[in-house]
N, C-alpha and C. Protein backbone atom coordinates (compact mmCIF):
# COMPACT_ATOMS: atom_id res chain seq x y z
N UNK A 1 1.02 -1.21 0.08
CA UNK A 1 -0.16 -0.15 0.02
C UNK A 1 0.95 1.09 -0.19
N UNK A 2 1.21 1.81 -1.34
CA UNK A 2 2.15 3.01 -1.20
C UNK A 2 1.36 4.14 -0.42
N UNK A 3 2.19 4.83 0.37
CA UNK A 3 1.54 5.96 1.24
C UNK A 3 2.50 7.13 1.01
N UNK A 4 1.67 8.27 1.09
CA UNK A 4 2.43 9.58 1.13
C UNK A 4 2.27 10.14 2.49
N UNK A 5 3.31 10.70 3.24
CA UNK A 5 3.14 11.17 4.51
C UNK A 5 3.41 12.55 4.34
N UNK A 6 2.46 13.23 5.08
CA UNK A 6 2.39 14.80 4.90
C UNK A 6 2.46 15.24 6.35
N UNK A 7 3.00 16.31 6.62
CA UNK A 7 2.92 17.21 7.99
C UNK A 7 1.54 18.00 8.17
N UNK A 8 1.30 18.44 9.27
CA UNK A 8 0.02 18.96 9.61
C UNK A 8 -0.45 19.98 8.48
N UNK A 9 -1.70 19.87 8.31
CA UNK A 9 -2.32 20.85 7.29
C UNK A 9 -3.81 20.98 8.01
N UNK A 10 -4.27 22.10 8.15
CA UNK A 10 -5.68 22.45 8.85
C UNK A 10 -6.65 21.49 8.26
N UNK A 11 -6.74 21.35 6.84
CA UNK A 11 -7.64 20.58 6.15
C UNK A 11 -7.55 19.23 6.77
N UNK A 12 -6.63 18.55 7.28
CA UNK A 12 -6.77 17.35 7.78
C UNK A 12 -7.14 17.11 9.26
N UNK A 13 -7.50 18.36 9.89
CA UNK A 13 -7.98 18.34 11.28
C UNK A 13 -8.83 17.21 11.76
N UNK A 14 -9.99 16.99 10.84
CA UNK A 14 -11.16 16.24 11.15
C UNK A 14 -10.78 15.11 10.94
N UNK A 15 -9.68 14.54 9.96
CA UNK A 15 -9.13 13.26 9.88
C UNK A 15 -8.40 12.78 11.02
N UNK A 16 -7.63 13.67 11.74
CA UNK A 16 -6.90 13.42 12.99
C UNK A 16 -8.06 12.96 13.96
N UNK A 17 -9.10 13.62 14.16
CA UNK A 17 -9.96 13.35 15.07
C UNK A 17 -10.78 12.09 14.76
N UNK A 18 -11.30 11.87 13.60
CA UNK A 18 -11.96 10.51 13.15
C UNK A 18 -11.04 9.44 13.27
N UNK A 19 -9.86 9.33 13.02
CA UNK A 19 -9.07 8.15 13.23
C UNK A 19 -8.79 7.78 14.55
N UNK A 20 -8.74 8.87 15.45
CA UNK A 20 -8.29 8.58 16.75
C UNK A 20 -9.42 8.13 17.56
N UNK A 21 -10.59 8.84 17.21
CA UNK A 21 -11.83 8.47 17.73
C UNK A 21 -12.26 6.96 17.66
N UNK A 22 -11.95 6.48 16.34
CA UNK A 22 -12.18 5.07 16.02
C UNK A 22 -11.73 4.04 16.86
N UNK A 23 -10.37 4.28 17.30
CA UNK A 23 -9.88 3.30 18.04
C UNK A 23 -10.00 3.57 19.52
N UNK A 24 -10.22 4.71 20.05
CA UNK A 24 -10.45 4.94 21.37
C UNK A 24 -11.84 4.64 21.85
N UNK A 25 -12.85 5.05 20.88
CA UNK A 25 -14.02 4.51 21.30
C UNK A 25 -14.32 3.09 21.03
N UNK A 26 -13.62 2.42 20.33
CA UNK A 26 -13.58 0.99 20.37
C UNK A 26 -13.48 0.15 21.40
N UNK A 27 -12.14 0.67 22.04
CA UNK A 27 -11.69 0.10 23.25
C UNK A 27 -11.86 0.84 24.50
N UNK A 28 -12.11 1.88 24.50
CA UNK A 28 -11.95 2.90 25.76
C UNK A 28 -13.08 3.72 25.74
N UNK A 29 -12.81 5.09 26.34
CA UNK A 29 -13.90 6.03 26.43
C UNK A 29 -12.75 7.23 26.10
N UNK A 30 -13.59 8.13 25.30
CA UNK A 30 -12.67 9.48 25.14
C UNK A 30 -12.63 10.31 26.53
N UNK A 31 -11.38 11.05 26.51
CA UNK A 31 -11.38 11.61 28.00
C UNK A 31 -10.94 13.04 27.62
N UNK A 32 -10.98 13.99 28.44
CA UNK A 32 -10.78 15.35 28.15
C UNK A 32 -9.65 15.82 27.35
N UNK A 33 -8.40 15.04 27.67
CA UNK A 33 -7.15 15.37 27.04
C UNK A 33 -7.29 15.03 25.45
N UNK A 34 -8.16 13.86 25.21
CA UNK A 34 -8.33 13.46 23.81
C UNK A 34 -9.00 14.61 23.15
N UNK A 35 -10.18 15.14 23.66
CA UNK A 35 -11.05 16.12 23.01
C UNK A 35 -10.41 17.42 22.88
N UNK A 36 -9.43 17.74 23.74
CA UNK A 36 -8.77 18.94 23.71
C UNK A 36 -7.65 19.00 22.38
N UNK A 37 -7.12 17.76 22.22
CA UNK A 37 -6.13 17.75 21.10
C UNK A 37 -6.95 17.52 19.92
N UNK A 38 -8.02 17.06 19.69
CA UNK A 38 -8.97 17.09 18.57
C UNK A 38 -9.32 18.25 18.09
N UNK A 39 -9.69 19.25 19.07
CA UNK A 39 -10.17 20.47 18.87
C UNK A 39 -9.00 21.59 18.30
N UNK A 40 -7.82 21.26 18.65
CA UNK A 40 -6.56 21.99 18.41
C UNK A 40 -5.36 21.35 18.25
N UNK A 41 -5.12 20.34 17.27
CA UNK A 41 -3.86 19.47 17.26
C UNK A 41 -2.74 20.57 16.74
N UNK A 42 -3.02 21.63 16.12
CA UNK A 42 -1.78 22.50 15.90
C UNK A 42 -1.18 23.16 17.01
N UNK A 43 -2.35 23.68 18.02
CA UNK A 43 -1.80 24.23 19.09
C UNK A 43 -1.32 23.30 19.95
N UNK A 44 -1.93 22.00 20.18
CA UNK A 44 -1.40 21.01 21.07
C UNK A 44 -0.16 20.37 20.63
N UNK A 45 0.24 20.31 19.29
CA UNK A 45 1.44 19.35 18.91
C UNK A 45 2.27 20.38 18.23
N UNK A 46 1.92 20.87 17.11
CA UNK A 46 2.85 21.67 16.28
C UNK A 46 3.46 22.89 16.86
N UNK A 47 2.52 23.89 17.34
CA UNK A 47 2.96 25.12 17.85
C UNK A 47 4.06 24.99 18.86
N UNK A 48 4.07 24.03 19.73
CA UNK A 48 5.19 23.89 20.84
C UNK A 48 6.28 23.28 20.17
N UNK A 49 6.42 22.97 19.08
CA UNK A 49 7.57 22.22 18.53
C UNK A 49 7.54 20.92 18.21
N UNK A 50 6.43 20.27 18.10
CA UNK A 50 6.05 18.91 17.65
C UNK A 50 5.74 18.81 16.30
N UNK A 51 4.85 17.83 16.04
CA UNK A 51 4.36 17.68 14.57
C UNK A 51 3.13 16.65 14.65
N UNK A 52 2.21 16.77 13.56
CA UNK A 52 1.38 15.82 13.32
C UNK A 52 1.49 15.41 11.92
N UNK A 53 1.42 13.98 11.89
CA UNK A 53 1.82 13.57 10.50
C UNK A 53 0.47 12.70 9.85
N UNK A 54 0.27 12.61 8.67
CA UNK A 54 -0.79 12.02 8.03
C UNK A 54 -0.35 11.08 6.88
N UNK A 55 -0.70 9.90 6.96
CA UNK A 55 -0.47 8.97 5.86
C UNK A 55 -1.60 8.87 4.82
N UNK A 56 -1.46 9.16 3.54
CA UNK A 56 -2.48 9.11 2.65
C UNK A 56 -2.15 8.09 1.61
N UNK A 57 -3.05 7.46 1.25
CA UNK A 57 -3.12 6.44 0.20
C UNK A 57 -4.18 6.81 -0.85
N UNK A 58 -3.84 6.98 -1.99
CA UNK A 58 -4.77 7.53 -3.23
C UNK A 58 -5.44 9.04 -2.69
N UNK A 59 -4.87 9.67 -2.00
CA UNK A 59 -5.45 10.95 -1.51
C UNK A 59 -6.11 10.93 -0.32
N UNK A 60 -6.69 9.63 0.26
CA UNK A 60 -7.36 9.41 1.43
C UNK A 60 -6.39 9.51 2.77
N UNK A 61 -6.81 10.20 3.64
CA UNK A 61 -6.12 10.11 4.97
C UNK A 61 -6.48 8.66 5.66
N UNK A 62 -5.50 7.61 5.76
CA UNK A 62 -5.80 6.50 6.60
C UNK A 62 -5.07 6.07 7.72
N UNK A 63 -3.99 7.24 7.93
CA UNK A 63 -3.35 7.13 9.12
C UNK A 63 -2.90 8.51 9.84
N UNK A 64 -2.40 8.46 11.08
CA UNK A 64 -2.02 9.64 11.57
C UNK A 64 -1.36 9.35 12.86
N UNK A 65 -0.25 10.19 13.31
CA UNK A 65 0.45 10.35 14.56
C UNK A 65 0.86 11.54 15.02
N UNK A 66 1.03 11.88 16.19
CA UNK A 66 1.66 13.20 16.73
C UNK A 66 2.68 12.97 17.53
N UNK A 67 3.67 14.11 17.60
CA UNK A 67 4.69 14.20 18.31
C UNK A 67 4.59 15.43 19.25
N UNK A 68 4.70 15.05 20.53
CA UNK A 68 4.44 16.47 21.50
C UNK A 68 5.75 16.53 22.07
N UNK A 69 6.35 18.01 21.95
CA UNK A 69 7.72 18.27 22.50
C UNK A 69 7.48 18.47 23.96
N UNK A 70 8.21 17.76 24.78
CA UNK A 70 8.21 17.93 26.24
C UNK A 70 9.29 18.81 26.57
N UNK A 71 10.43 18.65 25.99
CA UNK A 71 11.52 19.41 26.41
C UNK A 71 12.67 19.46 25.07
N UNK A 72 13.76 20.04 25.25
CA UNK A 72 14.44 20.14 23.80
C UNK A 72 14.93 18.83 23.17
N UNK A 73 15.00 17.78 24.23
CA UNK A 73 15.43 16.38 23.51
C UNK A 73 14.42 15.33 24.01
N UNK A 74 13.38 15.63 24.22
CA UNK A 74 12.20 14.55 24.65
C UNK A 74 10.97 14.87 24.09
N UNK A 75 10.41 13.95 23.17
CA UNK A 75 9.02 14.07 22.85
C UNK A 75 8.28 12.95 23.06
N UNK A 76 6.97 13.21 22.97
CA UNK A 76 5.89 12.10 23.26
C UNK A 76 5.14 11.65 22.03
N UNK A 77 5.19 10.40 21.67
CA UNK A 77 4.49 9.78 20.68
C UNK A 77 3.03 9.71 20.98
N UNK A 78 2.25 10.33 20.20
CA UNK A 78 0.74 10.44 20.54
C UNK A 78 -0.32 10.28 19.37
N UNK A 79 -1.34 9.64 19.86
CA UNK A 79 -2.48 9.64 18.85
C UNK A 79 -2.08 8.98 17.58
N UNK A 80 -1.49 7.77 17.58
CA UNK A 80 -1.19 6.94 16.58
C UNK A 80 -2.41 6.10 16.11
N UNK A 81 -2.95 6.29 14.95
CA UNK A 81 -4.14 5.64 14.45
C UNK A 81 -4.02 5.26 12.91
N UNK A 82 -4.57 4.18 12.63
CA UNK A 82 -4.44 3.71 11.35
C UNK A 82 -6.01 3.22 11.11
N UNK A 83 -6.70 3.42 10.12
CA UNK A 83 -7.99 3.26 9.70
C UNK A 83 -8.05 1.64 9.69
N UNK A 84 -9.11 1.11 10.14
CA UNK A 84 -9.41 -0.36 10.21
C UNK A 84 -9.18 -1.07 8.76
N UNK A 85 -9.66 -0.40 7.81
CA UNK A 85 -9.45 -0.81 6.33
C UNK A 85 -8.07 -0.99 5.85
N UNK A 86 -7.33 -0.23 6.60
CA UNK A 86 -5.89 -0.10 6.13
C UNK A 86 -4.75 -0.75 6.82
N UNK A 87 -5.32 -1.48 7.84
CA UNK A 87 -4.40 -2.13 8.92
C UNK A 87 -3.94 -3.54 8.19
N UNK A 88 -2.68 -3.91 8.66
CA UNK A 88 -2.19 -5.03 8.08
C UNK A 88 -1.52 -4.84 6.74
N UNK A 89 -1.29 -3.57 6.32
CA UNK A 89 -0.58 -3.44 4.92
C UNK A 89 0.49 -2.33 5.12
N UNK A 90 1.10 -2.35 6.25
CA UNK A 90 2.43 -1.72 6.63
C UNK A 90 2.28 -0.11 6.84
N UNK A 91 0.99 0.30 6.80
CA UNK A 91 0.83 1.83 7.02
C UNK A 91 1.32 2.30 8.49
N UNK A 92 1.29 1.30 9.39
CA UNK A 92 1.91 1.68 10.78
C UNK A 92 3.26 1.73 10.70
N UNK A 93 4.03 0.99 9.87
CA UNK A 93 5.41 1.02 9.76
C UNK A 93 5.93 2.27 9.18
N UNK A 94 5.23 2.71 7.94
CA UNK A 94 5.47 4.01 7.24
C UNK A 94 5.33 5.20 8.28
N UNK A 95 4.30 5.28 9.00
CA UNK A 95 4.18 6.34 9.94
C UNK A 95 5.27 6.51 10.88
N UNK A 96 5.62 5.06 11.66
CA UNK A 96 6.54 4.88 12.67
C UNK A 96 7.85 5.48 12.22
N UNK A 97 8.15 5.07 10.96
CA UNK A 97 9.37 5.56 10.17
C UNK A 97 9.52 6.92 10.20
N UNK A 98 8.48 7.51 9.77
CA UNK A 98 8.43 9.06 9.42
C UNK A 98 8.40 9.74 10.68
N UNK A 99 7.60 9.32 11.86
CA UNK A 99 7.55 10.12 12.90
C UNK A 99 8.99 10.06 13.83
N UNK A 100 9.75 8.91 13.57
CA UNK A 100 10.93 8.87 14.29
C UNK A 100 12.05 9.60 13.56
N UNK A 101 11.98 9.75 12.24
CA UNK A 101 12.83 10.71 11.38
C UNK A 101 12.51 12.04 11.79
N UNK A 102 11.31 12.38 11.84
CA UNK A 102 10.88 13.96 12.34
C UNK A 102 11.62 14.25 13.69
N UNK A 103 11.54 13.13 14.49
CA UNK A 103 11.81 13.43 15.87
C UNK A 103 13.33 13.53 15.89
N UNK A 104 14.11 12.67 15.19
CA UNK A 104 15.53 12.95 15.13
C UNK A 104 15.86 14.52 14.38
N UNK A 105 15.24 14.55 13.44
CA UNK A 105 15.34 16.02 12.67
C UNK A 105 15.19 17.16 13.96
N UNK A 106 14.33 17.13 14.79
CA UNK A 106 13.89 18.02 15.83
C UNK A 106 14.84 17.99 17.01
N UNK A 107 15.79 17.06 17.00
CA UNK A 107 16.72 16.96 18.09
C UNK A 107 16.29 16.01 19.26
N UNK A 108 15.46 15.03 18.83
CA UNK A 108 15.11 14.14 19.74
C UNK A 108 16.08 13.16 20.21
N UNK A 109 16.45 12.95 21.61
CA UNK A 109 17.16 11.90 22.13
C UNK A 109 16.47 10.92 22.60
N UNK A 110 15.19 11.11 23.20
CA UNK A 110 14.27 10.31 23.67
C UNK A 110 12.86 10.52 23.05
N UNK A 111 12.14 9.38 22.71
CA UNK A 111 10.84 9.46 22.39
C UNK A 111 9.84 8.47 23.31
N UNK A 112 9.12 8.96 23.95
CA UNK A 112 8.25 7.97 24.88
C UNK A 112 6.85 8.01 24.47
N UNK A 113 5.96 6.90 25.00
CA UNK A 113 4.72 7.05 24.54
C UNK A 113 3.93 6.13 25.79
N UNK A 114 2.67 6.49 25.97
CA UNK A 114 1.71 5.67 26.82
C UNK A 114 0.66 5.00 26.02
N UNK A 115 0.45 3.70 26.43
CA UNK A 115 -0.62 3.05 25.81
C UNK A 115 -1.26 2.04 26.74
N UNK A 116 -1.92 1.08 26.20
CA UNK A 116 -2.69 0.16 26.97
C UNK A 116 -2.36 -1.31 26.54
N UNK A 117 -1.96 -2.14 27.63
CA UNK A 117 -1.39 -3.53 27.27
C UNK A 117 -2.44 -4.36 26.41
N UNK A 118 -3.56 -3.93 26.49
CA UNK A 118 -4.73 -4.70 25.68
C UNK A 118 -4.67 -4.38 24.17
N UNK A 119 -3.79 -3.36 23.83
CA UNK A 119 -3.47 -2.88 22.48
C UNK A 119 -2.35 -3.64 21.81
N UNK A 120 -2.40 -5.22 21.71
CA UNK A 120 -1.17 -5.93 21.41
C UNK A 120 -0.57 -5.62 20.05
N UNK A 121 -1.29 -5.45 19.09
CA UNK A 121 -0.91 -5.01 17.62
C UNK A 121 0.03 -3.75 17.66
N UNK A 122 -0.75 -2.73 18.51
CA UNK A 122 0.21 -1.41 18.68
C UNK A 122 1.47 -1.65 19.42
N UNK A 123 1.56 -2.33 20.46
CA UNK A 123 2.70 -2.65 21.30
C UNK A 123 3.67 -3.42 20.30
N UNK A 124 3.23 -4.39 19.56
CA UNK A 124 4.11 -4.94 18.62
C UNK A 124 4.91 -4.17 17.62
N UNK A 125 4.08 -3.34 17.15
CA UNK A 125 4.58 -2.11 16.18
C UNK A 125 5.83 -1.36 16.80
N UNK A 126 5.38 -0.96 18.01
CA UNK A 126 6.41 0.07 18.83
C UNK A 126 7.62 -0.83 19.15
N UNK A 127 7.38 -2.01 19.57
CA UNK A 127 8.85 -2.98 19.99
C UNK A 127 9.39 -3.12 18.66
N UNK A 128 8.71 -3.39 17.55
CA UNK A 128 9.57 -3.69 16.09
C UNK A 128 10.33 -2.39 15.92
N UNK A 129 9.89 -1.27 16.25
CA UNK A 129 10.69 0.12 15.87
C UNK A 129 11.57 0.48 17.10
N UNK A 130 11.93 -0.45 17.82
CA UNK A 130 13.05 0.00 18.97
C UNK A 130 12.39 0.31 20.29
N UNK A 131 11.00 0.34 20.36
CA UNK A 131 10.46 1.14 21.75
C UNK A 131 10.72 -0.22 22.90
N UNK A 132 11.21 0.05 23.99
CA UNK A 132 11.14 -0.82 25.10
C UNK A 132 10.20 -0.35 26.23
N UNK A 133 9.73 -1.26 27.02
CA UNK A 133 8.89 -0.95 28.13
C UNK A 133 9.62 -0.39 29.22
N UNK A 134 9.20 0.86 29.72
CA UNK A 134 9.92 1.35 30.84
C UNK A 134 9.14 1.49 32.25
N UNK A 135 7.79 1.41 32.17
CA UNK A 135 6.86 1.11 33.14
C UNK A 135 5.62 0.60 32.91
N UNK A 136 4.98 -0.23 33.70
CA UNK A 136 3.66 -0.75 33.63
C UNK A 136 3.04 -0.31 35.15
N UNK A 137 1.50 -0.36 34.82
CA UNK A 137 0.54 -0.49 35.90
C UNK A 137 -0.01 0.97 36.19
N UNK A 138 -0.88 1.08 37.22
CA UNK A 138 -1.50 2.34 37.65
C UNK A 138 -0.71 3.59 37.58
N UNK A 139 0.45 3.71 38.00
CA UNK A 139 1.33 4.73 38.01
C UNK A 139 1.40 5.40 36.65
N UNK A 140 1.38 4.82 35.68
CA UNK A 140 1.24 5.39 34.40
C UNK A 140 0.15 6.15 33.83
N UNK A 141 -0.97 5.60 34.46
CA UNK A 141 -2.19 6.31 34.24
C UNK A 141 -2.28 7.54 34.94
N UNK A 142 -1.64 7.59 36.24
CA UNK A 142 -1.73 8.76 37.03
C UNK A 142 -0.81 9.90 36.61
N UNK A 143 0.27 9.55 36.17
CA UNK A 143 1.10 10.35 35.43
C UNK A 143 0.93 10.93 34.24
N UNK A 144 0.36 10.08 33.36
CA UNK A 144 0.08 10.30 31.94
C UNK A 144 -1.25 11.27 31.73
N UNK A 145 -2.02 11.24 32.73
CA UNK A 145 -3.31 11.86 32.66
C UNK A 145 -4.53 11.11 31.77
N UNK A 146 -4.34 9.91 31.39
CA UNK A 146 -5.19 9.08 30.62
C UNK A 146 -5.51 7.85 31.68
N UNK A 147 -6.73 7.92 31.81
CA UNK A 147 -7.25 6.52 32.55
C UNK A 147 -6.71 5.17 31.89
N UNK A 148 -6.91 5.35 30.78
CA UNK A 148 -6.68 3.82 29.89
C UNK A 148 -5.18 3.71 29.78
N UNK A 149 -4.27 4.45 30.20
CA UNK A 149 -2.81 4.30 30.06
C UNK A 149 -2.12 3.05 31.06
N UNK A 150 -1.68 2.06 30.81
CA UNK A 150 -0.90 1.38 31.72
C UNK A 150 0.39 0.58 31.31
N UNK A 151 0.79 1.34 30.37
CA UNK A 151 2.19 0.98 29.92
C UNK A 151 2.91 2.28 29.37
N UNK A 152 4.22 2.36 29.60
CA UNK A 152 4.85 3.37 29.09
C UNK A 152 6.16 2.67 28.56
N UNK A 153 6.40 3.17 27.17
CA UNK A 153 7.53 2.61 26.50
C UNK A 153 8.33 3.92 26.01
N UNK A 154 9.68 3.64 25.55
CA UNK A 154 10.50 4.71 25.03
C UNK A 154 11.49 4.10 24.16
N UNK A 155 11.99 5.07 23.18
CA UNK A 155 13.03 4.88 22.07
C UNK A 155 14.06 5.86 22.27
N UNK A 156 15.35 5.42 22.13
CA UNK A 156 16.33 6.62 22.43
C UNK A 156 17.10 6.54 21.03
N UNK A 157 17.63 7.79 20.66
CA UNK A 157 18.26 7.88 19.49
C UNK A 157 19.69 7.57 19.67
């Protein structure tokens, strides 16, 4: 599935929300942090020095992910989503390679993420690209601000 990866454009804002709502509402419930990032992905991720990426196939947005700058050399990988119809075709790999390249270009020495251990395919993708588990359990959700978070993983440049 040949894909084109583009950086944030306002015309894709609704796609960012749509793709992320899909997986969150399937497995969990939307939380205030989700809604805030859907309302203003540029302000949440891009303006502070991060980025939002979109994977397009034949002009259709089928995947997205975001990088949130935490400090000059630390970023959080957030809101990674691939449309159900595109799963299993390598789009997650394309997005992951692109987001890690962007992170390195922006000076990242560390990229971390929080997720949920029920999301085995996502965790497999993260591990495939060099992420390792750093924490498990309730402590992750308390610090991350998401009730659904129970695993933290990191990648180091």
